[in-house]
Amino acid sequence: QVQLVESGGGLVQPGGSLRLSCAASGISLRFLDTGWYRQAPGQQRELVARITDAITDEDITIYADSVKGRFTISKDRAKNTMYLQMNSLKPEDTAVYYCNVDVGEGYWGQGTQVTVSS
């Protein structure tokens, strides 16, 4: 049974940082297309960042324009865990953040709340 468990969300002041984790079980994240999405109240779920393992070169990453230069997506293959380092957080980053594995029908975690507020 595939399970994705997010953690690391919370309340942070504008300009602060958080690191989200997505621990996977029942599936290896190696060489799979994985990513982070977020959904703010009343909004559609949107892509934040995705990462695809490369065999010989650097991993392939893409970011939403709104987070480029502030967020970094990464994987620890030994821990089978994906991360999202979020720096210079803004109030508009407030949302529930979900991790996703793009294989078969796709798998989603339960989400972790990130609130950026003073």
PDB file of N, CA and C in Angstrom:
ATOM      1  N   GLN A   1       0.851  -1.197   0.000  1.00  0.00           N
ATOM      2  CA  GLN A   1       0.000   0.000   0.000  1.00  0.00           C
ATOM      3  C   GLN A   1       0.884   1.242   0.000  1.00  0.00           C
ATOM      4  N   VAL A   2       0.632   2.114  -0.959  1.00  0.00           N
ATOM      5  CA  VAL A   2       1.422   3.332  -1.067  1.00  0.00           C
ATOM      6  C   VAL A   2       0.915   4.364  -0.059  1.00  0.00           C
ATOM      7  N   GLN A   3       1.850   4.967   0.637  1.00  0.00           N
ATOM      8  CA  GLN A   3       1.492   6.005   1.593  1.00  0.00           C
ATOM      9  C   GLN A   3       2.490   7.145   1.496  1.00  0.00           C
ATOM     10  N   LEU A   4       1.979   8.357   1.419  1.00  0.00           N
ATOM     11  CA  LEU A   4       2.806   9.560   1.419  1.00  0.00           C
ATOM     12  C   LEU A   4       2.394  10.386   2.637  1.00  0.00           C
ATOM     13  N   VAL A   5       3.361  10.725   3.456  1.00  0.00           N
ATOM     14  CA  VAL A   5       3.065  11.467   4.677  1.00  0.00           C
ATOM     15  C   VAL A   5       3.860  12.757   4.684  1.00  0.00           C
ATOM     16  N   GLU A   6       3.139  13.882   4.611  1.00  0.00           N
ATOM     17  CA  GLU A   6       3.786  15.186   4.660  1.00  0.00           C
ATOM     18  C   GLU A   6       3.947  15.644   6.107  1.00  0.00           C
ATOM     19  N   SER A   7       4.966  16.442   6.333  1.00  0.00           N
ATOM     20  CA  SER A   7       5.174  17.066   7.633  1.00  0.00           C
ATOM     21  C   SER A   7       5.982  18.339   7.443  1.00  0.00           C
ATOM     22  N   GLY A   8       6.059  19.138   8.493  1.00  0.00           N
ATOM     23  CA  GLY A   8       6.884  20.335   8.457  1.00  0.00           C
ATOM     24  C   GLY A   8       6.124  21.634   8.291  1.00  0.00           C
ATOM     25  N   GLY A   9       4.823  21.554   8.094  1.00  0.00           N
ATOM     26  CA  GLY A   9       4.047  22.777   7.963  1.00  0.00           C
ATOM     27  C   GLY A   9       3.906  23.483   9.300  1.00  0.00           C
ATOM     28  N   GLY A  10       3.318  24.683   9.250  1.00  0.00           N
ATOM     29  CA  GLY A  10       3.116  25.435  10.477  1.00  0.00           C
ATOM     30  C   GLY A  10       2.880  26.896  10.198  1.00  0.00           C
ATOM     31  N   LEU A  11       2.950  27.681  11.265  1.00  0.00           N
ATOM     32  CA  LEU A  11       2.769  29.129  11.181  1.00  0.00           C
ATOM     33  C   LEU A  11       4.132  29.797  11.180  1.00  0.00           C
ATOM     34  N   VAL A  12       4.358  30.686  10.241  1.00  0.00           N
ATOM     35  CA  VAL A  12       5.639  31.379  10.135  1.00  0.00           C
ATOM     36  C   VAL A  12       5.381  32.829   9.738  1.00  0.00           C
ATOM     37  N   GLN A  13       6.260  33.718  10.174  1.00  0.00           N
ATOM     38  CA  GLN A  13       6.128  35.126   9.810  1.00  0.00           C
ATOM     39  C   GLN A  13       6.621  35.361   8.386  1.00  0.00           C
ATOM     40  N   PRO A  14       6.124  36.387   7.743  1.00  0.00           N
ATOM     41  CA  PRO A  14       6.644  36.730   6.405  1.00  0.00           C
ATOM     42  C   PRO A  14       8.160  36.891   6.440  1.00  0.00           C
ATOM     43  N   GLY A  15       8.807  36.334   5.423  1.00  0.00           N
ATOM     44  CA  GLY A  15      10.262  36.343   5.365  1.00  0.00           C
ATOM     45  C   GLY A  15      10.901  35.131   6.003  1.00  0.00           C
ATOM     46  N   GLY A  16      10.123  34.335   6.686  1.00  0.00           N
ATOM     47  CA  GLY A  16      10.644  33.152   7.353  1.00  0.00           C
ATOM     48  C   GLY A  16      10.803  31.964   6.428  1.00  0.00           C
ATOM     49  N   SER A  17      11.206  30.842   7.022  1.00  0.00           N
ATOM     50  CA  SER A  17      11.473  29.628   6.252  1.00  0.00           C
ATOM     51  C   SER A  17      10.802  28.422   6.890  1.00  0.00           C
ATOM     52  N   LEU A  18      10.488  27.463   6.063  1.00  0.00           N
ATOM     53  CA  LEU A  18      10.004  26.155   6.502  1.00  0.00           C
ATOM     54  C   LEU A  18      10.559  25.109   5.552  1.00  0.00           C
ATOM     55  N   ARG A  19      10.701  23.891   6.064  1.00  0.00           N
ATOM     56  CA  ARG A  19      11.056  22.773   5.198  1.00  0.00           C
ATOM     57  C   ARG A  19       9.998  21.699   5.339  1.00  0.00           C
ATOM     58  N   LEU A  20       9.357  21.391   4.229  1.00  0.00           N
ATOM     59  CA  LEU A  20       8.356  20.336   4.204  1.00  0.00           C
ATOM     60  C   LEU A  20       9.018  19.017   3.828  1.00  0.00           C
ATOM     61  N   SER A  21       8.515  17.939   4.404  1.00  0.00           N
ATOM     62  CA  SER A  21       8.988  16.596   4.084  1.00  0.00           C
ATOM     63  C   SER A  21       7.818  15.753   3.601  1.00  0.00           C
ATOM     64  N   CYS A  22       8.121  14.833   2.714  1.00  0.00           N
ATOM     65  CA  CYS A  22       7.135  13.869   2.227  1.00  0.00           C
ATOM     66  C   CYS A  22       7.793  12.497   2.273  1.00  0.00           C
ATOM     67  N   ALA A  23       7.447  11.725   3.283  1.00  0.00           N
ATOM     68  CA  ALA A  23       8.014  10.393   3.451  1.00  0.00           C
ATOM     69  C   ALA A  23       7.133   9.374   2.742  1.00  0.00           C
ATOM     70  N   ALA A  24       7.745   8.579   1.877  1.00  0.00           N
ATOM     71  CA  ALA A  24       7.006   7.604   1.090  1.00  0.00           C
ATOM     72  C   ALA A  24       7.236   6.190   1.617  1.00  0.00           C
ATOM     73  N   SER A  25       6.184   5.393   1.570  1.00  0.00           N
ATOM     74  CA  SER A  25       6.291   3.970   1.880  1.00  0.00           C
ATOM     75  C   SER A  25       5.441   3.213   0.873  1.00  0.00           C
ATOM     76  N   GLY A  26       5.854   1.979   0.587  1.00  0.00           N
ATOM     77  CA  GLY A  26       5.127   1.169  -0.389  1.00  0.00           C
ATOM     78  C   GLY A  26       5.466   1.496  -1.826  1.00  0.00           C
ATOM     79  N   ILE A  27       6.370   2.436  -2.034  1.00  0.00           N
ATOM     80  CA  ILE A  27       6.790   2.837  -3.366  1.00  0.00           C
ATOM     81  C   ILE A  27       8.148   3.514  -3.242  1.00  0.00           C
ATOM     82  N   SER A  28       9.004   3.269  -4.253  1.00  0.00           N
ATOM     83  CA  SER A  28      10.297   3.954  -4.273  1.00  0.00           C
ATOM     84  C   SER A  28      10.170   5.225  -5.101  1.00  0.00           C
ATOM     85  N   LEU A  29      10.666   6.331  -4.553  1.00  0.00           N
ATOM     86  CA  LEU A  29      10.614   7.604  -5.270  1.00  0.00           C
ATOM     87  C   LEU A  29      11.707   7.711  -6.334  1.00  0.00           C
ATOM     88  N   ARG A  30      12.618   6.765  -6.310  1.00  0.00           N
ATOM     89  CA  ARG A  30      13.735   6.821  -7.260  1.00  0.00           C
ATOM     90  C   ARG A  30      13.210   6.763  -8.698  1.00  0.00           C
ATOM     91  N   PHE A  31      13.657   7.665  -9.494  1.00  0.00           N
ATOM     92  CA  PHE A  31      13.362   7.757 -10.928  1.00  0.00           C
ATOM     93  C   PHE A  31      11.899   8.023 -11.239  1.00  0.00           C
ATOM     94  N   LEU A  32      11.111   8.379 -10.248  1.00  0.00           N
ATOM     95  CA  LEU A  32       9.731   8.754 -10.495  1.00  0.00           C
ATOM     96  C   LEU A  32       9.590  10.263 -10.509  1.00  0.00           C
ATOM     97  N   ASP A  33       8.644  10.729 -11.270  1.00  0.00           N
ATOM     98  CA  ASP A  33       8.319  12.143 -11.335  1.00  0.00           C
ATOM     99  C   ASP A  33       7.495  12.470 -10.092  1.00  0.00           C
ATOM    100  N   THR A  34       8.010  13.324  -9.240  1.00  0.00           N
ATOM    101  CA  THR A  34       7.337  13.652  -7.983  1.00  0.00           C
ATOM    102  C   THR A  34       7.284  15.167  -7.818  1.00  0.00           C
ATOM    103  N   GLY A  35       6.363  15.618  -6.981  1.00  0.00           N
ATOM    104  CA  GLY A  35       6.256  17.058  -6.853  1.00  0.00           C
ATOM    105  C   GLY A  35       5.442  17.518  -5.664  1.00  0.00           C
ATOM    106  N   TRP A  36       5.404  18.829  -5.510  1.00  0.00           N
ATOM    107  CA  TRP A  36       4.620  19.491  -4.477  1.00  0.00           C
ATOM    108  C   TRP A  36       3.575  20.379  -5.148  1.00  0.00           C
ATOM    109  N   TYR A  37       2.372  20.327  -4.607  1.00  0.00           N
ATOM    110  CA  TYR A  37       1.284  21.182  -5.044  1.00  0.00           C
ATOM    111  C   TYR A  37       0.741  21.898  -3.823  1.00  0.00           C
ATOM    112  N   ARG A  38      -0.036  22.937  -4.048  1.00  0.00           N
ATOM    113  CA  ARG A  38      -0.669  23.617  -2.925  1.00  0.00           C
ATOM    114  C   ARG A  38      -2.059  24.084  -3.313  1.00  0.00           C
ATOM    115  N   GLN A  39      -2.887  24.233  -2.295  1.00  0.00           N
ATOM    116  CA  GLN A  39      -4.252  24.684  -2.512  1.00  0.00           C
ATOM    117  C   GLN A  39      -4.627  25.667  -1.418  1.00  0.00           C
ATOM    118  N   ALA A  40      -4.891  26.893  -1.825  1.00  0.00           N
ATOM    119  CA  ALA A  40      -5.338  27.922  -0.901  1.00  0.00           C
ATOM    120  C   ALA A  40      -6.867  27.893  -0.834  1.00  0.00           C
ATOM    121  N   PRO A  41      -7.457  28.415   0.235  1.00  0.00           N
ATOM    122  CA  PRO A  41      -8.918  28.433   0.354  1.00  0.00           C
ATOM    123  C   PRO A  41      -9.582  29.090  -0.848  1.00  0.00           C
ATOM    124  N   GLY A  42     -10.553  28.393  -1.440  1.00  0.00           N
ATOM    125  CA  GLY A  42     -11.274  28.938  -2.571  1.00  0.00           C
ATOM    126  C   GLY A  42     -10.520  28.907  -3.879  1.00  0.00           C
ATOM    127  N   GLN A  43      -9.342  28.304  -3.879  1.00  0.00           N
ATOM    128  CA  GLN A  43      -8.521  28.252  -5.082  1.00  0.00           C
ATOM    129  C   GLN A  43      -8.352  26.806  -5.547  1.00  0.00           C
ATOM    130  N   GLN A  44      -7.973  26.669  -6.821  1.00  0.00           N
ATOM    131  CA  GLN A  44      -7.662  25.345  -7.333  1.00  0.00           C
ATOM    132  C   GLN A  44      -6.272  24.923  -6.871  1.00  0.00           C
ATOM    133  N   ARG A  45      -6.070  23.617  -6.819  1.00  0.00           N
ATOM    134  CA  ARG A  45      -4.744  23.108  -6.497  1.00  0.00           C
ATOM    135  C   ARG A  45      -3.790  23.479  -7.626  1.00  0.00           C
ATOM    136  N   GLU A  46      -2.599  23.943  -7.251  1.00  0.00           N
ATOM    137  CA  GLU A  46      -1.636  24.383  -8.256  1.00  0.00           C
ATOM    138  C   GLU A  46      -0.274  23.764  -8.012  1.00  0.00           C
ATOM    139  N   LEU A  47       0.460  23.628  -9.096  1.00  0.00           N
ATOM    140  CA  LEU A  47       1.815  23.089  -9.012  1.00  0.00           C
ATOM    141  C   LEU A  47       2.729  24.094  -8.336  1.00  0.00           C
ATOM    142  N   VAL A  48       3.553  23.604  -7.432  1.00  0.00           N
ATOM    143  CA  VAL A  48       4.598  24.416  -6.812  1.00  0.00           C
ATOM    144  C   VAL A  48       5.957  24.051  -7.416  1.00  0.00           C
ATOM    145  N   ALA A  49       6.281  22.766  -7.416  1.00  0.00           N
ATOM    146  CA  ALA A  49       7.569  22.319  -7.938  1.00  0.00           C
ATOM    147  C   ALA A  49       7.502  20.821  -8.237  1.00  0.00           C
ATOM    148  N   ARG A  50       8.303  20.386  -9.215  1.00  0.00           N
ATOM    149  CA  ARG A  50       8.397  18.975  -9.542  1.00  0.00           C
ATOM    150  C   ARG A  50       9.869  18.622  -9.739  1.00  0.00           C
ATOM    151  N   ILE A  51      10.176  17.344  -9.515  1.00  0.00           N
ATOM    152  CA  ILE A  51      11.543  16.865  -9.672  1.00  0.00           C
ATOM    153  C   ILE A  51      11.514  15.490 -10.295  1.00  0.00           C
ATOM    154  N   THR A  52      12.406  15.290 -11.244  1.00  0.00           N
ATOM    155  CA  THR A  52      12.563  13.998 -11.896  1.00  0.00           C
ATOM    156  C   THR A  52      14.027  13.604 -11.801  1.00  0.00           C
ATOM    157  N   ASP A  53      14.283  12.396 -11.333  1.00  0.00           N
ATOM    158  CA  ASP A  53      15.658  11.929 -11.209  1.00  0.00           C
ATOM    159  C   ASP A  53      16.296  11.803 -12.581  1.00  0.00           C
ATOM    160  N   ALA A  54      17.547  12.195 -12.666  1.00  0.00           N
ATOM    161  CA  ALA A  54      18.331  11.982 -13.873  1.00  0.00           C
ATOM    162  C   ALA A  54      19.382  10.934 -13.551  1.00  0.00           C
ATOM    163  N   ILE A  55      19.632  10.051 -14.474  1.00  0.00           N
ATOM    164  CA  ILE A  55      20.552   8.944 -14.206  1.00  0.00           C
ATOM    165  C   ILE A  55      21.989   9.428 -14.079  1.00  0.00           C
ATOM    166  N   THR A  56      22.399  10.299 -14.987  1.00  0.00           N
ATOM    167  CA  THR A  56      23.801  10.695 -15.001  1.00  0.00           C
ATOM    168  C   THR A  56      24.024  12.172 -14.717  1.00  0.00           C
ATOM    169  N   ASP A  57      23.025  12.985 -14.927  1.00  0.00           N
ATOM    170  CA  ASP A  57      23.204  14.424 -14.742  1.00  0.00           C
ATOM    171  C   ASP A  57      22.401  14.894 -13.531  1.00  0.00           C
ATOM    172  N   GLU A  58      22.322  16.188 -13.358  1.00  0.00           N
ATOM    173  CA  GLU A  58      21.547  16.734 -12.256  1.00  0.00           C
ATOM    174  C   GLU A  58      20.062  16.428 -12.450  1.00  0.00           C
ATOM    175  N   ASP A  59      19.357  16.306 -11.341  1.00  0.00           N
ATOM    176  CA  ASP A  59      17.921  16.093 -11.402  1.00  0.00           C
ATOM    177  C   ASP A  59      17.258  17.237 -12.165  1.00  0.00           C
ATOM    178  N   ILE A  60      16.160  16.903 -12.797  1.00  0.00           N
ATOM    179  CA  ILE A  60      15.406  17.899 -13.550  1.00  0.00           C
ATOM    180  C   ILE A  60      14.333  18.475 -12.636  1.00  0.00           C
ATOM    181  N   THR A  61      14.341  19.782 -12.482  1.00  0.00           N
ATOM    182  CA  THR A  61      13.369  20.429 -11.602  1.00  0.00           C
ATOM    183  C   THR A  61      12.632  21.539 -12.346  1.00  0.00           C
ATOM    184  N   ILE A  62      11.395  21.731 -11.999  1.00  0.00           N
ATOM    185  CA  ILE A  62      10.630  22.856 -12.500  1.00  0.00           C
ATOM    186  C   ILE A  62       9.910  23.515 -11.320  1.00  0.00           C
ATOM    187  N   TYR A  63       9.706  24.808 -11.440  1.00  0.00           N
ATOM    188  CA  TYR A  63       9.074  25.580 -10.377  1.00  0.00           C
ATOM    189  C   TYR A  63       8.019  26.516 -10.955  1.00  0.00           C
ATOM    190  N   ALA A  64       6.997  26.746 -10.158  1.00  0.00           N
ATOM    191  CA  ALA A  64       6.056  27.799 -10.500  1.00  0.00           C
ATOM    192  C   ALA A  64       6.781  29.141 -10.457  1.00  0.00           C
ATOM    193  N   ASP A  65       6.400  30.042 -11.329  1.00  0.00           N
ATOM    194  CA  ASP A  65       7.056  31.347 -11.372  1.00  0.00           C
ATOM    195  C   ASP A  65       6.996  32.049 -10.021  1.00  0.00           C
ATOM    196  N   SER A  66       5.915  31.841  -9.298  1.00  0.00           N
ATOM    197  CA  SER A  66       5.713  32.543  -8.035  1.00  0.00           C
ATOM    198  C   SER A  66       6.679  32.108  -6.940  1.00  0.00           C
ATOM    199  N   VAL A  67       7.337  30.956  -7.111  1.00  0.00           N
ATOM    200  CA  VAL A  67       8.240  30.464  -6.056  1.00  0.00           C
ATOM    201  C   VAL A  67       9.685  30.357  -6.518  1.00  0.00           C
ATOM    202  N   LYS A  68       9.962  30.619  -7.776  1.00  0.00           N
ATOM    203  CA  LYS A  68      11.336  30.524  -8.283  1.00  0.00           C
ATOM    204  C   LYS A  68      12.274  31.419  -7.486  1.00  0.00           C
ATOM    205  N   GLY A  69      13.419  30.838  -7.133  1.00  0.00           N
ATOM    206  CA  GLY A  69      14.403  31.589  -6.375  1.00  0.00           C
ATOM    207  C   GLY A  69      14.165  31.572  -4.876  1.00  0.00           C
ATOM    208  N   ARG A  70      13.008  31.085  -4.447  1.00  0.00           N
ATOM    209  CA  ARG A  70      12.692  31.047  -3.011  1.00  0.00           C
ATOM    210  C   ARG A  70      12.533  29.619  -2.498  1.00  0.00           C
ATOM    211  N   PHE A  71      12.005  28.728  -3.341  1.00  0.00           N
ATOM    212  CA  PHE A  71      11.755  27.347  -2.941  1.00  0.00           C
ATOM    213  C   PHE A  71      12.730  26.425  -3.652  1.00  0.00           C
ATOM    214  N   THR A  72      13.085  25.332  -2.972  1.00  0.00           N
ATOM    215  CA  THR A  72      13.946  24.324  -3.565  1.00  0.00           C
ATOM    216  C   THR A  72      13.381  22.947  -3.275  1.00  0.00           C
ATOM    217  N   ILE A  73      13.206  22.154  -4.323  1.00  0.00           N
ATOM    218  CA  ILE A  73      12.713  20.790  -4.183  1.00  0.00           C
ATOM    219  C   ILE A  73      13.897  19.835  -4.263  1.00  0.00           C
ATOM    220  N   SER A  74      13.838  18.765  -3.476  1.00  0.00           N
ATOM    221  CA  SER A  74      14.936  17.797  -3.481  1.00  0.00           C
ATOM    222  C   SER A  74      14.422  16.445  -3.014  1.00  0.00           C
ATOM    223  N   LYS A  75      15.263  15.423  -3.230  1.00  0.00           N
ATOM    224  CA  LYS A  75      14.937  14.069  -2.780  1.00  0.00           C
ATOM    225  C   LYS A  75      16.130  13.495  -2.033  1.00  0.00           C
ATOM    226  N   ASP A  76      15.839  12.726  -0.991  1.00  0.00           N
ATOM    227  CA  ASP A  76      16.847  11.902  -0.335  1.00  0.00           C
ATOM    228  C   ASP A  76      16.471  10.462  -0.657  1.00  0.00           C
ATOM    229  N   ARG A  77      17.207   9.876  -1.593  1.00  0.00           N
ATOM    230  CA  ARG A  77      16.822   8.548  -2.067  1.00  0.00           C
ATOM    231  C   ARG A  77      17.014   7.489  -0.991  1.00  0.00           C
ATOM    232  N   ALA A  78      18.002   7.664  -0.159  1.00  0.00           N
ATOM    233  CA  ALA A  78      18.245   6.694   0.906  1.00  0.00           C
ATOM    234  C   ALA A  78      17.089   6.680   1.904  1.00  0.00           C
ATOM    235  N   LYS A  79      16.498   7.855   2.160  1.00  0.00           N
ATOM    236  CA  LYS A  79      15.382   7.958   3.102  1.00  0.00           C
ATOM    237  C   LYS A  79      14.034   7.845   2.399  1.00  0.00           C
ATOM    238  N   ASN A  80      14.054   7.768   1.064  1.00  0.00           N
ATOM    239  CA  ASN A  80      12.810   7.698   0.287  1.00  0.00           C
ATOM    240  C   ASN A  80      11.880   8.853   0.655  1.00  0.00           C
ATOM    241  N   THR A  81      12.459  10.014   0.719  1.00  0.00           N
ATOM    242  CA  THR A  81      11.749  11.204   1.172  1.00  0.00           C
ATOM    243  C   THR A  81      12.023  12.372   0.227  1.00  0.00           C
ATOM    244  N   MET A  82      10.985  13.143  -0.007  1.00  0.00           N
ATOM    245  CA  MET A  82      11.105  14.358  -0.832  1.00  0.00           C
ATOM    246  C   MET A  82      10.950  15.565   0.081  1.00  0.00           C
ATOM    247  N   TYR A  83      11.618  16.659  -0.272  1.00  0.00           N
ATOM    248  CA  TYR A  83      11.591  17.854   0.561  1.00  0.00           C
ATOM    249  C   TYR A  83      11.226  19.076  -0.271  1.00  0.00           C
ATOM    250  N   LEU A  84      10.731  20.081   0.421  1.00  0.00           N
ATOM    251  CA  LEU A  84      10.523  21.390  -0.174  1.00  0.00           C
ATOM    252  C   LEU A  84      11.031  22.422   0.817  1.00  0.00           C
ATOM    253  N   GLN A  85      12.171  23.020   0.504  1.00  0.00           N
ATOM    254  CA  GLN A  85      12.717  24.084   1.327  1.00  0.00           C
ATOM    255  C   GLN A  85      12.098  25.393   0.863  1.00  0.00           C
ATOM    256  N   MET A  86      11.447  26.080   1.775  1.00  0.00           N
ATOM    257  CA  MET A  86      10.744  27.317   1.433  1.00  0.00           C
ATOM    258  C   MET A  86      11.357  28.466   2.210  1.00  0.00           C
ATOM    259  N   ASN A  87      11.926  29.405   1.493  1.00  0.00           N
ATOM    260  CA  ASN A  87      12.543  30.583   2.096  1.00  0.00           C
ATOM    261  C   ASN A  87      11.799  31.832   1.661  1.00  0.00           C
ATOM    262  N   SER A  88      12.047  32.913   2.378  1.00  0.00           N
ATOM    263  CA  SER A  88      11.426  34.212   2.052  1.00  0.00           C
ATOM    264  C   SER A  88       9.921  34.065   1.850  1.00  0.00           C
ATOM    265  N   LEU A  89       9.291  33.400   2.780  1.00  0.00           N
ATOM    266  CA  LEU A  89       7.866  33.114   2.651  1.00  0.00           C
ATOM    267  C   LEU A  89       7.034  34.386   2.671  1.00  0.00           C
ATOM    268  N   LYS A  90       5.960  34.344   1.901  1.00  0.00           N
ATOM    269  CA  LYS A  90       5.045  35.477   1.764  1.00  0.00           C
ATOM    270  C   LYS A  90       3.640  35.050   2.199  1.00  0.00           C
ATOM    271  N   PRO A  91       2.810  35.991   2.583  1.00  0.00           N
ATOM    272  CA  PRO A  91       1.436  35.619   2.961  1.00  0.00           C
ATOM    273  C   PRO A  91       0.707  34.854   1.860  1.00  0.00           C
ATOM    274  N   GLU A  92       1.009  35.171   0.614  1.00  0.00           N
ATOM    275  CA  GLU A  92       0.349  34.473  -0.494  1.00  0.00           C
ATOM    276  C   GLU A  92       0.808  33.028  -0.664  1.00  0.00           C
ATOM    277  N   ASP A  93       1.802  32.608   0.096  1.00  0.00           N
ATOM    278  CA  ASP A  93       2.213  31.198   0.099  1.00  0.00           C
ATOM    279  C   ASP A  93       1.342  30.362   1.035  1.00  0.00           C
ATOM    280  N   THR A  94       0.461  31.010   1.775  1.00  0.00           N
ATOM    281  CA  THR A  94      -0.420  30.283   2.687  1.00  0.00           C
ATOM    282  C   THR A  94      -1.321  29.335   1.921  1.00  0.00           C
ATOM    283  N   ALA A  95      -1.281  28.062   2.295  1.00  0.00           N
ATOM    284  CA  ALA A  95      -2.048  27.026   1.606  1.00  0.00           C
ATOM    285  C   ALA A  95      -1.819  25.691   2.299  1.00  0.00           C
ATOM    286  N   VAL A  96      -2.592  24.705   1.874  1.00  0.00           N
ATOM    287  CA  VAL A  96      -2.284  23.325   2.229  1.00  0.00           C
ATOM    288  C   VAL A  96      -1.375  22.776   1.134  1.00  0.00           C
ATOM    289  N   TYR A  97      -0.252  22.216   1.546  1.00  0.00           N
ATOM    290  CA  TYR A  97       0.732  21.699   0.607  1.00  0.00           C
ATOM    291  C   TYR A  97       0.634  20.180   0.550  1.00  0.00           C
ATOM    292  N   TYR A  98       0.610  19.653  -0.676  1.00  0.00           N
ATOM    293  CA  TYR A  98       0.472  18.225  -0.906  1.00  0.00           C
ATOM    294  C   TYR A  98       1.655  17.703  -1.707  1.00  0.00           C
ATOM    295  N   CYS A  99       2.111  16.501  -1.371  1.00  0.00           N
ATOM    296  CA  CYS A  99       3.101  15.862  -2.233  1.00  0.00           C
ATOM    297  C   CYS A  99       2.393  14.888  -3.158  1.00  0.00           C
ATOM    298  N   ASN A 100       3.025  14.665  -4.290  1.00  0.00           N
ATOM    299  CA  ASN A 100       2.420  13.864  -5.352  1.00  0.00           C
ATOM    300  C   ASN A 100       3.473  12.991  -6.005  1.00  0.00           C
ATOM    301  N   VAL A 101       3.086  11.763  -6.332  1.00  0.00           N
ATOM    302  CA  VAL A 101       3.913  10.860  -7.130  1.00  0.00           C
ATOM    303  C   VAL A 101       3.143  10.548  -8.399  1.00  0.00           C
ATOM    304  N   ASP A 102       3.745  10.859  -9.521  1.00  0.00           N
ATOM    305  CA  ASP A 102       3.073  10.708 -10.812  1.00  0.00           C
ATOM    306  C   ASP A 102       3.387   9.345 -11.409  1.00  0.00           C
ATOM    307  N   VAL A 103       2.648   8.343 -10.944  1.00  0.00           N
ATOM    308  CA  VAL A 103       2.773   6.993 -11.488  1.00  0.00           C
ATOM    309  C   VAL A 103       1.408   6.344 -11.407  1.00  0.00           C
ATOM    310  N   GLY A 104       1.016   5.646 -12.498  1.00  0.00           N
ATOM    311  CA  GLY A 104      -0.315   5.056 -12.497  1.00  0.00           C
ATOM    312  C   GLY A 104      -1.371   6.140 -12.374  1.00  0.00           C
ATOM    313  N   GLU A 105      -2.290   5.948 -11.431  1.00  0.00           N
ATOM    314  CA  GLU A 105      -3.342   6.944 -11.211  1.00  0.00           C
ATOM    315  C   GLU A 105      -2.842   8.151 -10.422  1.00  0.00           C
ATOM    316  N   GLY A 106      -1.625   8.048  -9.919  1.00  0.00           N
ATOM    317  CA  GLY A 106      -1.085   9.131  -9.110  1.00  0.00           C
ATOM    318  C   GLY A 106      -1.400   8.935  -7.648  1.00  0.00           C
ATOM    319  N   TYR A 107      -0.486   9.358  -6.813  1.00  0.00           N
ATOM    320  CA  TYR A 107      -0.663   9.243  -5.368  1.00  0.00           C
ATOM    321  C   TYR A 107      -0.480  10.610  -4.728  1.00  0.00           C
ATOM    322  N   TRP A 108      -1.279  10.848  -3.687  1.00  0.00           N
ATOM    323  CA  TRP A 108      -1.234  12.130  -2.977  1.00  0.00           C
ATOM    324  C   TRP A 108      -1.109  11.890  -1.476  1.00  0.00           C
ATOM    325  N   GLY A 109      -0.423  12.801  -0.818  1.00  0.00           N
ATOM    326  CA  GLY A 109      -0.412  12.791   0.628  1.00  0.00           C
ATOM    327  C   GLY A 109      -1.645  13.483   1.164  1.00  0.00           C
ATOM    328  N   GLN A 110      -1.743  13.546   2.494  1.00  0.00           N
ATOM    329  CA  GLN A 110      -2.921  14.113   3.123  1.00  0.00           C
ATOM    330  C   GLN A 110      -2.847  15.635   3.236  1.00  0.00           C
ATOM    331  N   GLY A 111      -1.668  16.178   3.015  1.00  0.00           N
ATOM    332  CA  GLY A 111      -1.495  17.623   3.055  1.00  0.00           C
ATOM    333  C   GLY A 111      -0.981  18.131   4.380  1.00  0.00           C
ATOM    334  N   THR A 112      -0.260  19.244   4.327  1.00  0.00           N
ATOM    335  CA  THR A 112       0.215  19.913   5.539  1.00  0.00           C
ATOM    336  C   THR A 112      -0.027  21.408   5.371  1.00  0.00           C
ATOM    337  N   GLN A 113      -0.555  22.019   6.423  1.00  0.00           N
ATOM    338  CA  GLN A 113      -0.936  23.434   6.352  1.00  0.00           C
ATOM    339  C   GLN A 113       0.286  24.327   6.551  1.00  0.00           C
ATOM    340  N   VAL A 114       0.427  25.292   5.665  1.00  0.00           N
ATOM    341  CA  VAL A 114       1.440  26.337   5.807  1.00  0.00           C
ATOM    342  C   VAL A 114       0.714  27.677   5.893  1.00  0.00           C
ATOM    343  N   THR A 115       0.957  28.402   6.972  1.00  0.00           N
ATOM    344  CA  THR A 115       0.338  29.710   7.167  1.00  0.00           C
ATOM    345  C   THR A 115       1.430  30.750   7.363  1.00  0.00           C
ATOM    346  N   VAL A 116       1.427  31.751   6.504  1.00  0.00           N
ATOM    347  CA  VAL A 116       2.417  32.827   6.585  1.00  0.00           C
ATOM    348  C   VAL A 116       1.685  34.099   7.002  1.00  0.00           C
ATOM    349  N   SER A 117       1.959  34.518   8.219  1.00  0.00           N
ATOM    350  CA  SER A 117       1.232  35.659   8.767  1.00  0.00           C
ATOM    351  C   SER A 117       2.025  36.283   9.897  1.00  0.00           C
ATOM    352  N   SER A 118       1.874  37.594  10.036  1.00  0.00           N
ATOM    353  CA  SER A 118       2.518  38.291  11.142  1.00  0.00           C
ATOM    354  C   SER A 118       1.547  38.405  12.320  1.00  0.00           C
TER     355      SER A 118
END
